[in-house]
Amino acid sequence: MPLIPEEPQIHEKAQGPRATPASGRTAPTPRPVPGPRPAAPPRPGRPGPVRPTAPAQRAPRDTTTTKPGPPGPAAPAAPASAQAAPSAQAAPVADAATVAAPQLQLLPATPDGALDAAEEAVDLLLDSGRTPGDVLVITTGEPHPWAAHELSFGDASYWAQHDAGDDVFYADAAVADRAASRAVVVVAVNGGPEAAAVGALGVAHTRAGALLIVCGDPQRINSVLGAGV
């Protein structure tokens, strides 16, 4: 039986092989549709078409590294004393007097207003964050009212509050040398003999850790200090 009439019927049906090929014959392969074909998705484990295997990559090496040669004689080690010398010279010991010198501030005031100026200075110190135990006030003339009140209870009670160190302490120039060092010392030059001012400023300079504030007549203070402020 001739097979020519059957060929047009194969192309009119769905693209693909027939379910039941004719006996004794292999079903013809469908022809591809003209036009570009999309790339087939890669199979699992095979990323794309087979390519020649690239040579294994080697760990990067420093191209500037030279081939080691025979070991030469070791350099002699520097003596321990020579090694320690630069570090000792790099950190010279500073002058203790320069490190301990407090900053000096002068608040001009008359003898009658020196105590009020000292009180204002204390208030500013406390407002700026200083704790009351950081401040010592020394007077050269009339004692501060707080000191006069506390001394009325006895000398021991008065100095016990100084030793507690939790509040501003007021001391007369005559007994200021008994006071311990504090971060800030305020001197109120509110009268008194010249020797009292000299002694108060001398003690204040040694007791002030960071700041020394002097309230009084600038001319008198300059004459006591021996230099302009």
C-alpha atoms as a PDB file:
ATOM      1  CA  MET A   1       0.000   0.000   0.000  1.00  0.00           C
ATOM      2  CA  PRO A   2       1.535   3.328  -0.898  1.00  0.00           C
ATOM      3  CA  LEU A   3       2.678   5.544   2.049  1.00  0.00           C
ATOM      4  CA  ILE A   4       2.879   8.880   0.284  1.00  0.00           C
ATOM      5  CA  PRO A   5      -0.636  10.076   1.183  1.00  0.00           C
ATOM      6  CA  GLU A   6       0.060   9.603   4.919  1.00  0.00           C
ATOM      7  CA  GLU A   7       2.946  12.115   5.185  1.00  0.00           C
ATOM      8  CA  PRO A   8       0.797  15.285   4.971  1.00  0.00           C
ATOM      9  CA  GLN A   9      -1.377  13.973   7.788  1.00  0.00           C
ATOM     10  CA  ILE A  10       1.649  13.733  10.156  1.00  0.00           C
ATOM     11  CA  HIS A  11       2.475  17.418   9.754  1.00  0.00           C
ATOM     12  CA  GLU A  12      -1.085  18.540  10.380  1.00  0.00           C
ATOM     13  CA  LYS A  13      -1.184  16.900  13.822  1.00  0.00           C
ATOM     14  CA  ALA A  14       0.579  17.939  17.029  1.00  0.00           C
ATOM     15  CA  GLN A  15       4.299  18.332  16.915  1.00  0.00           C
ATOM     16  CA  GLY A  16       5.868  15.178  18.215  1.00  0.00           C
ATOM     17  CA  PRO A  17       6.031  11.466  17.546  1.00  0.00           C
ATOM     18  CA  ARG A  18       2.845   9.532  17.074  1.00  0.00           C
ATOM     19  CA  ALA A  19       1.660   7.387  19.912  1.00  0.00           C
ATOM     20  CA  THR A  20       1.399   4.279  17.772  1.00  0.00           C
ATOM     21  CA  PRO A  21       3.918   4.073  14.949  1.00  0.00           C
ATOM     22  CA  ALA A  22       3.075   2.008  11.960  1.00  0.00           C
ATOM     23  CA  SER A  23       4.089  -1.567  12.269  1.00  0.00           C
ATOM     24  CA  GLY A  24       7.420  -2.264  10.819  1.00  0.00           C
ATOM     25  CA  ARG A  25       8.368   1.437  10.619  1.00  0.00           C
ATOM     26  CA  THR A  26       9.921   3.983  12.892  1.00  0.00           C
ATOM     27  CA  ALA A  27       7.899   7.157  13.327  1.00  0.00           C
ATOM     28  CA  PRO A  28       9.600  10.075  11.652  1.00  0.00           C
ATOM     29  CA  THR A  29      11.075  12.747  13.889  1.00  0.00           C
ATOM     30  CA  PRO A  30       9.076  16.019  13.806  1.00  0.00           C
ATOM     31  CA  ARG A  31      10.768  18.858  12.054  1.00  0.00           C
ATOM     32  CA  PRO A  32      11.916  21.813  14.152  1.00  0.00           C
ATOM     33  CA  VAL A  33       9.978  25.064  13.981  1.00  0.00           C
ATOM     34  CA  PRO A  34      11.933  27.708  12.092  1.00  0.00           C
ATOM     35  CA  GLY A  35      13.430  30.489  14.182  1.00  0.00           C
ATOM     36  CA  PRO A  36      15.838  30.736  17.196  1.00  0.00           C
ATOM     37  CA  ARG A  37      15.457  28.154  19.914  1.00  0.00           C
ATOM     38  CA  PRO A  38      15.647  29.141  23.543  1.00  0.00           C
ATOM     39  CA  ALA A  39      18.628  27.804  25.398  1.00  0.00           C
ATOM     40  CA  ALA A  40      17.860  24.610  27.206  1.00  0.00           C
ATOM     41  CA  PRO A  41      17.907  24.929  31.004  1.00  0.00           C
ATOM     42  CA  PRO A  42      21.038  23.444  32.522  1.00  0.00           C
ATOM     43  CA  ARG A  43      20.740  20.076  34.073  1.00  0.00           C
ATOM     44  CA  PRO A  44      21.308  19.595  37.759  1.00  0.00           C
ATOM     45  CA  GLY A  45      24.963  19.212  38.458  1.00  0.00           C
ATOM     46  CA  ARG A  46      26.007  20.450  35.037  1.00  0.00           C
ATOM     47  CA  PRO A  47      26.143  24.264  34.779  1.00  0.00           C
ATOM     48  CA  GLY A  48      25.719  24.827  31.051  1.00  0.00           C
ATOM     49  CA  PRO A  49      27.553  23.225  28.202  1.00  0.00           C
ATOM     50  CA  VAL A  50      30.583  21.170  28.803  1.00  0.00           C
ATOM     51  CA  ARG A  51      33.695  23.273  28.692  1.00  0.00           C
ATOM     52  CA  PRO A  52      37.307  22.276  28.884  1.00  0.00           C
ATOM     53  CA  THR A  53      38.351  21.865  32.468  1.00  0.00           C
ATOM     54  CA  ALA A  54      40.296  24.926  33.660  1.00  0.00           C
ATOM     55  CA  PRO A  55      43.597  24.281  35.352  1.00  0.00           C
ATOM     56  CA  ALA A  56      43.436  24.255  39.103  1.00  0.00           C
ATOM     57  CA  GLN A  57      44.132  27.654  40.595  1.00  0.00           C
ATOM     58  CA  ARG A  58      47.136  27.966  42.805  1.00  0.00           C
ATOM     59  CA  ALA A  59      47.327  30.043  45.922  1.00  0.00           C
ATOM     60  CA  PRO A  60      48.547  33.576  45.181  1.00  0.00           C
ATOM     61  CA  ARG A  61      52.161  34.123  45.868  1.00  0.00           C
ATOM     62  CA  ASP A  62      54.098  37.264  46.387  1.00  0.00           C
ATOM     63  CA  THR A  63      55.960  37.739  43.146  1.00  0.00           C
ATOM     64  CA  THR A  64      58.555  39.821  44.915  1.00  0.00           C
ATOM     65  CA  THR A  65      59.528  37.035  47.242  1.00  0.00           C
ATOM     66  CA  THR A  66      63.018  35.901  46.479  1.00  0.00           C
ATOM     67  CA  LYS A  67      64.258  32.425  46.800  1.00  0.00           C
ATOM     68  CA  PRO A  68      65.861  31.948  50.184  1.00  0.00           C
ATOM     69  CA  GLY A  69      69.557  31.622  50.041  1.00  0.00           C
ATOM     70  CA  PRO A  70      71.969  30.110  52.461  1.00  0.00           C
ATOM     71  CA  PRO A  71      71.642  31.555  55.952  1.00  0.00           C
ATOM     72  CA  GLY A  72      74.165  34.224  56.748  1.00  0.00           C
ATOM     73  CA  PRO A  73      75.689  35.136  60.071  1.00  0.00           C
ATOM     74  CA  ALA A  74      73.140  36.446  62.578  1.00  0.00           C
ATOM     75  CA  ALA A  75      73.331  40.137  63.438  1.00  0.00           C
ATOM     76  CA  PRO A  76      74.693  40.730  66.908  1.00  0.00           C
ATOM     77  CA  ALA A  77      71.993  41.642  69.416  1.00  0.00           C
ATOM     78  CA  ALA A  78      72.144  45.116  70.915  1.00  0.00           C
ATOM     79  CA  PRO A  79      73.073  45.257  74.575  1.00  0.00           C
ATOM     80  CA  ALA A  80      70.173  45.492  76.999  1.00  0.00           C
ATOM     81  CA  SER A  81      71.400  48.845  78.250  1.00  0.00           C
ATOM     82  CA  ALA A  82      71.418  50.276  74.713  1.00  0.00           C
ATOM     83  CA  GLN A  83      67.886  49.027  74.056  1.00  0.00           C
ATOM     84  CA  ALA A  84      66.513  50.586  77.210  1.00  0.00           C
ATOM     85  CA  ALA A  85      68.207  53.933  76.661  1.00  0.00           C
ATOM     86  CA  PRO A  86      65.819  55.349  73.978  1.00  0.00           C
ATOM     87  CA  SER A  87      62.707  54.640  76.036  1.00  0.00           C
ATOM     88  CA  ALA A  88      64.233  56.315  79.037  1.00  0.00           C
ATOM     89  CA  GLN A  89      65.081  59.388  76.990  1.00  0.00           C
ATOM     90  CA  ALA A  90      61.630  59.501  75.332  1.00  0.00           C
ATOM     91  CA  ALA A  91      59.827  60.052  78.653  1.00  0.00           C
ATOM     92  CA  PRO A  92      61.762  62.647  80.620  1.00  0.00           C
ATOM     93  CA  VAL A  93      60.640  63.319  84.136  1.00  0.00           C
ATOM     94  CA  ALA A  94      58.668  66.556  84.297  1.00  0.00           C
ATOM     95  CA  ASP A  95      59.286  69.156  86.920  1.00  0.00           C
ATOM     96  CA  ALA A  96      57.043  68.360  89.887  1.00  0.00           C
ATOM     97  CA  ALA A  97      56.528  72.049  90.633  1.00  0.00           C
ATOM     98  CA  THR A  98      55.258  72.675  87.095  1.00  0.00           C
ATOM     99  CA  VAL A  99      52.771  69.793  87.252  1.00  0.00           C
ATOM    100  CA  ALA A 100      51.437  70.766  90.678  1.00  0.00           C
ATOM    101  CA  ALA A 101      51.011  74.500  89.940  1.00  0.00           C
ATOM    102  CA  PRO A 102      47.284  75.381  90.071  1.00  0.00           C
ATOM    103  CA  GLN A 103      45.567  77.773  87.716  1.00  0.00           C
ATOM    104  CA  LEU A 104      45.302  81.254  89.205  1.00  0.00           C
ATOM    105  CA  GLN A 105      42.244  83.515  88.823  1.00  0.00           C
ATOM    106  CA  LEU A 106      41.788  86.988  90.252  1.00  0.00           C
ATOM    107  CA  LEU A 107      38.369  88.437  91.054  1.00  0.00           C
ATOM    108  CA  PRO A 108      38.688  92.187  91.772  1.00  0.00           C
ATOM    109  CA  ALA A 109      36.837  93.217  94.909  1.00  0.00           C
ATOM    110  CA  THR A 110      37.114  95.692  97.745  1.00  0.00           C
ATOM    111  CA  PRO A 111      37.974  94.412 101.212  1.00  0.00           C
ATOM    112  CA  ASP A 112      34.323  94.793 102.207  1.00  0.00           C
ATOM    113  CA  GLY A 113      33.113  92.926  99.128  1.00  0.00           C
ATOM    114  CA  ALA A 114      35.799  90.228  98.986  1.00  0.00           C
ATOM    115  CA  LEU A 115      33.770  87.756 101.067  1.00  0.00           C
ATOM    116  CA  ASP A 116      30.690  88.220  98.906  1.00  0.00           C
ATOM    117  CA  ALA A 117      32.842  87.707  95.783  1.00  0.00           C
ATOM    118  CA  ALA A 118      34.181  84.488  97.309  1.00  0.00           C
ATOM    119  CA  GLU A 119      30.636  83.280  97.987  1.00  0.00           C
ATOM    120  CA  GLU A 120      29.666  83.979  94.392  1.00  0.00           C
ATOM    121  CA  ALA A 121      32.737  82.072  93.202  1.00  0.00           C
ATOM    122  CA  VAL A 122      31.758  79.085  95.339  1.00  0.00           C
ATOM    123  CA  ASP A 123      28.227  79.127  93.953  1.00  0.00           C
ATOM    124  CA  LEU A 124      29.575  79.149  90.395  1.00  0.00           C
ATOM    125  CA  LEU A 125      31.897  76.258  91.178  1.00  0.00           C
ATOM    126  CA  LEU A 126      29.065  74.159  92.582  1.00  0.00           C
ATOM    127  CA  ASP A 127      26.803  75.038  89.662  1.00  0.00           C
ATOM    128  CA  SER A 128      29.511  73.955  87.227  1.00  0.00           C
ATOM    129  CA  GLY A 129      29.680  70.475  88.771  1.00  0.00           C
ATOM    130  CA  ARG A 130      32.216  70.774  91.569  1.00  0.00           C
ATOM    131  CA  THR A 131      31.304  68.878  94.710  1.00  0.00           C
ATOM    132  CA  PRO A 132      31.238  70.854  97.980  1.00  0.00           C
ATOM    133  CA  GLY A 133      34.068  68.747  99.342  1.00  0.00           C
ATOM    134  CA  ASP A 134      36.348  70.043  96.576  1.00  0.00           C
ATOM    135  CA  VAL A 135      36.333  73.648  97.844  1.00  0.00           C
ATOM    136  CA  LEU A 136      38.287  75.343 100.622  1.00  0.00           C
ATOM    137  CA  VAL A 137      37.739  79.045 101.450  1.00  0.00           C
ATOM    138  CA  ILE A 138      40.356  81.044 103.356  1.00  0.00           C
ATOM    139  CA  THR A 139      39.696  84.494 104.811  1.00  0.00           C
ATOM    140  CA  THR A 140      42.327  87.046 105.803  1.00  0.00           C
ATOM    141  CA  GLY A 141      40.118  89.381 107.868  1.00  0.00           C
ATOM    142  CA  GLU A 142      36.844  88.604 109.609  1.00  0.00           C
ATOM    143  CA  PRO A 143      36.094  84.852 109.623  1.00  0.00           C
ATOM    144  CA  HIS A 144      33.273  83.517 107.529  1.00  0.00           C
ATOM    145  CA  PRO A 145      29.940  83.348 109.432  1.00  0.00           C
ATOM    146  CA  TRP A 146      29.855  79.567 108.968  1.00  0.00           C
ATOM    147  CA  ALA A 147      33.289  79.160 110.548  1.00  0.00           C
ATOM    148  CA  ALA A 148      32.377  81.439 113.453  1.00  0.00           C
ATOM    149  CA  HIS A 149      29.192  79.440 114.050  1.00  0.00           C
ATOM    150  CA  GLU A 150      30.890  76.037 113.961  1.00  0.00           C
ATOM    151  CA  LEU A 151      33.767  77.145 116.192  1.00  0.00           C
ATOM    152  CA  SER A 152      31.191  78.060 118.816  1.00  0.00           C
ATOM    153  CA  PHE A 153      30.652  74.294 119.293  1.00  0.00           C
ATOM    154  CA  GLY A 154      34.316  73.690 119.926  1.00  0.00           C
ATOM    155  CA  ASP A 155      37.513  73.232 117.985  1.00  0.00           C
ATOM    156  CA  ALA A 156      37.136  69.435 117.757  1.00  0.00           C
ATOM    157  CA  SER A 157      33.681  69.636 116.196  1.00  0.00           C
ATOM    158  CA  TYR A 158      34.880  72.264 113.756  1.00  0.00           C
ATOM    159  CA  TRP A 159      37.824  70.191 112.453  1.00  0.00           C
ATOM    160  CA  ALA A 160      35.746  67.013 112.437  1.00  0.00           C
ATOM    161  CA  GLN A 161      33.657  68.558 109.679  1.00  0.00           C
ATOM    162  CA  HIS A 162      36.872  69.364 107.826  1.00  0.00           C
ATOM    163  CA  ASP A 163      37.991  65.748 108.099  1.00  0.00           C
ATOM    164  CA  ALA A 164      34.610  64.529 106.832  1.00  0.00           C
ATOM    165  CA  GLY A 165      35.314  66.353 103.553  1.00  0.00           C
ATOM    166  CA  ASP A 166      31.709  66.384 102.378  1.00  0.00           C
ATOM    167  CA  ASP A 167      31.078  70.164 102.438  1.00  0.00           C
ATOM    168  CA  VAL A 168      32.736  73.492 101.688  1.00  0.00           C
ATOM    169  CA  PHE A 169      35.164  74.290 104.497  1.00  0.00           C
ATOM    170  CA  TYR A 170      35.891  77.844 105.653  1.00  0.00           C
ATOM    171  CA  ALA A 171      39.090  78.605 107.537  1.00  0.00           C
ATOM    172  CA  ASP A 172      40.820  81.704 108.867  1.00  0.00           C
ATOM    173  CA  ALA A 173      44.288  82.498 107.568  1.00  0.00           C
ATOM    174  CA  ALA A 174      45.737  81.872 111.041  1.00  0.00           C
ATOM    175  CA  VAL A 175      44.691  78.201 111.004  1.00  0.00           C
ATOM    176  CA  ALA A 176      44.587  77.545 107.221  1.00  0.00           C
ATOM    177  CA  ASP A 177      47.824  75.565 107.357  1.00  0.00           C
ATOM    178  CA  ARG A 178      45.922  72.794 109.186  1.00  0.00           C
ATOM    179  CA  ALA A 179      43.570  72.339 106.241  1.00  0.00           C
ATOM    180  CA  ALA A 180      44.183  69.515 103.796  1.00  0.00           C
ATOM    181  CA  SER A 181      44.602  69.991 100.070  1.00  0.00           C
ATOM    182  CA  ARG A 182      41.486  70.392  97.941  1.00  0.00           C
ATOM    183  CA  ALA A 183      40.886  70.759  94.238  1.00  0.00           C
ATOM    184  CA  VAL A 184      39.895  74.427  94.502  1.00  0.00           C
ATOM    185  CA  VAL A 185      40.960  77.014  97.061  1.00  0.00           C
ATOM    186  CA  VAL A 186      39.291  80.426  97.247  1.00  0.00           C
ATOM    187  CA  VAL A 187      41.024  83.238  99.136  1.00  0.00           C
ATOM    188  CA  ALA A 188      38.971  86.228 100.287  1.00  0.00           C
ATOM    189  CA  VAL A 189      41.354  89.122 101.031  1.00  0.00           C
ATOM    190  CA  ASN A 190      38.762  90.834 103.213  1.00  0.00           C
ATOM    191  CA  GLY A 191      41.108  92.889 105.369  1.00  0.00           C
ATOM    192  CA  GLY A 192      43.549  91.914 108.062  1.00  0.00           C
ATOM    193  CA  PRO A 193      47.264  92.629 108.296  1.00  0.00           C
ATOM    194  CA  GLU A 194      49.612  92.213 105.352  1.00  0.00           C
ATOM    195  CA  ALA A 195      51.183  89.188 106.966  1.00  0.00           C
ATOM    196  CA  ALA A 196      47.782  87.440 107.016  1.00  0.00           C
ATOM    197  CA  ALA A 197      47.361  87.980 103.279  1.00  0.00           C
ATOM    198  CA  VAL A 198      50.882  86.743 102.565  1.00  0.00           C
ATOM    199  CA  GLY A 199      50.350  83.643 104.710  1.00  0.00           C
ATOM    200  CA  ALA A 200      46.918  82.922 103.253  1.00  0.00           C
ATOM    201  CA  LEU A 201      48.145  83.139  99.664  1.00  0.00           C
ATOM    202  CA  GLY A 202      51.164  80.974 100.422  1.00  0.00           C
ATOM    203  CA  VAL A 203      49.053  78.256 102.056  1.00  0.00           C
ATOM    204  CA  ALA A 204      46.410  78.477  99.335  1.00  0.00           C
ATOM    205  CA  HIS A 205      49.004  77.964  96.622  1.00  0.00           C
ATOM    206  CA  THR A 206      50.223  74.753  98.241  1.00  0.00           C
ATOM    207  CA  ARG A 207      46.716  73.436  99.058  1.00  0.00           C
ATOM    208  CA  ALA A 208      45.054  74.107  95.686  1.00  0.00           C
ATOM    209  CA  GLY A 209      45.164  71.068  93.454  1.00  0.00           C
ATOM    210  CA  ALA A 210      43.719  72.536  90.246  1.00  0.00           C
ATOM    211  CA  LEU A 211      42.430  76.075  90.755  1.00  0.00           C
ATOM    212  CA  LEU A 212      43.279  79.026  93.007  1.00  0.00           C
ATOM    213  CA  ILE A 213      40.824  81.941  93.094  1.00  0.00           C
ATOM    214  CA  VAL A 214      41.800  85.179  94.852  1.00  0.00           C
ATOM    215  CA  CYS A 215      39.149  87.792  95.624  1.00  0.00           C
ATOM    216  CA  GLY A 216      40.394  91.226  96.611  1.00  0.00           C
ATOM    217  CA  ASP A 217      42.119  94.426  95.593  1.00  0.00           C
ATOM    218  CA  PRO A 218      44.309  93.677  92.552  1.00  0.00           C
ATOM    219  CA  GLN A 219      47.009  96.150  93.597  1.00  0.00           C
ATOM    220  CA  ARG A 220      47.289  94.614  97.037  1.00  0.00           C
ATOM    221  CA  ILE A 221      47.303  91.099  95.664  1.00  0.00           C
ATOM    222  CA  ASN A 222      49.987  91.998  93.122  1.00  0.00           C
ATOM    223  CA  SER A 223      52.144  93.448  95.842  1.00  0.00           C
ATOM    224  CA  VAL A 224      51.731  90.315  97.913  1.00  0.00           C
ATOM    225  CA  LEU A 225      52.465  87.943  95.068  1.00  0.00           C
ATOM    226  CA  GLY A 226      55.328  90.101  93.814  1.00  0.00           C
ATOM    227  CA  ALA A 227      54.158  89.873  90.176  1.00  0.00           C
ATOM    228  CA  GLY A 228      51.272  90.949  88.003  1.00  0.00           C
ATOM    229  CA  VAL A 229      48.322  88.575  87.782  1.00  0.00           C
END
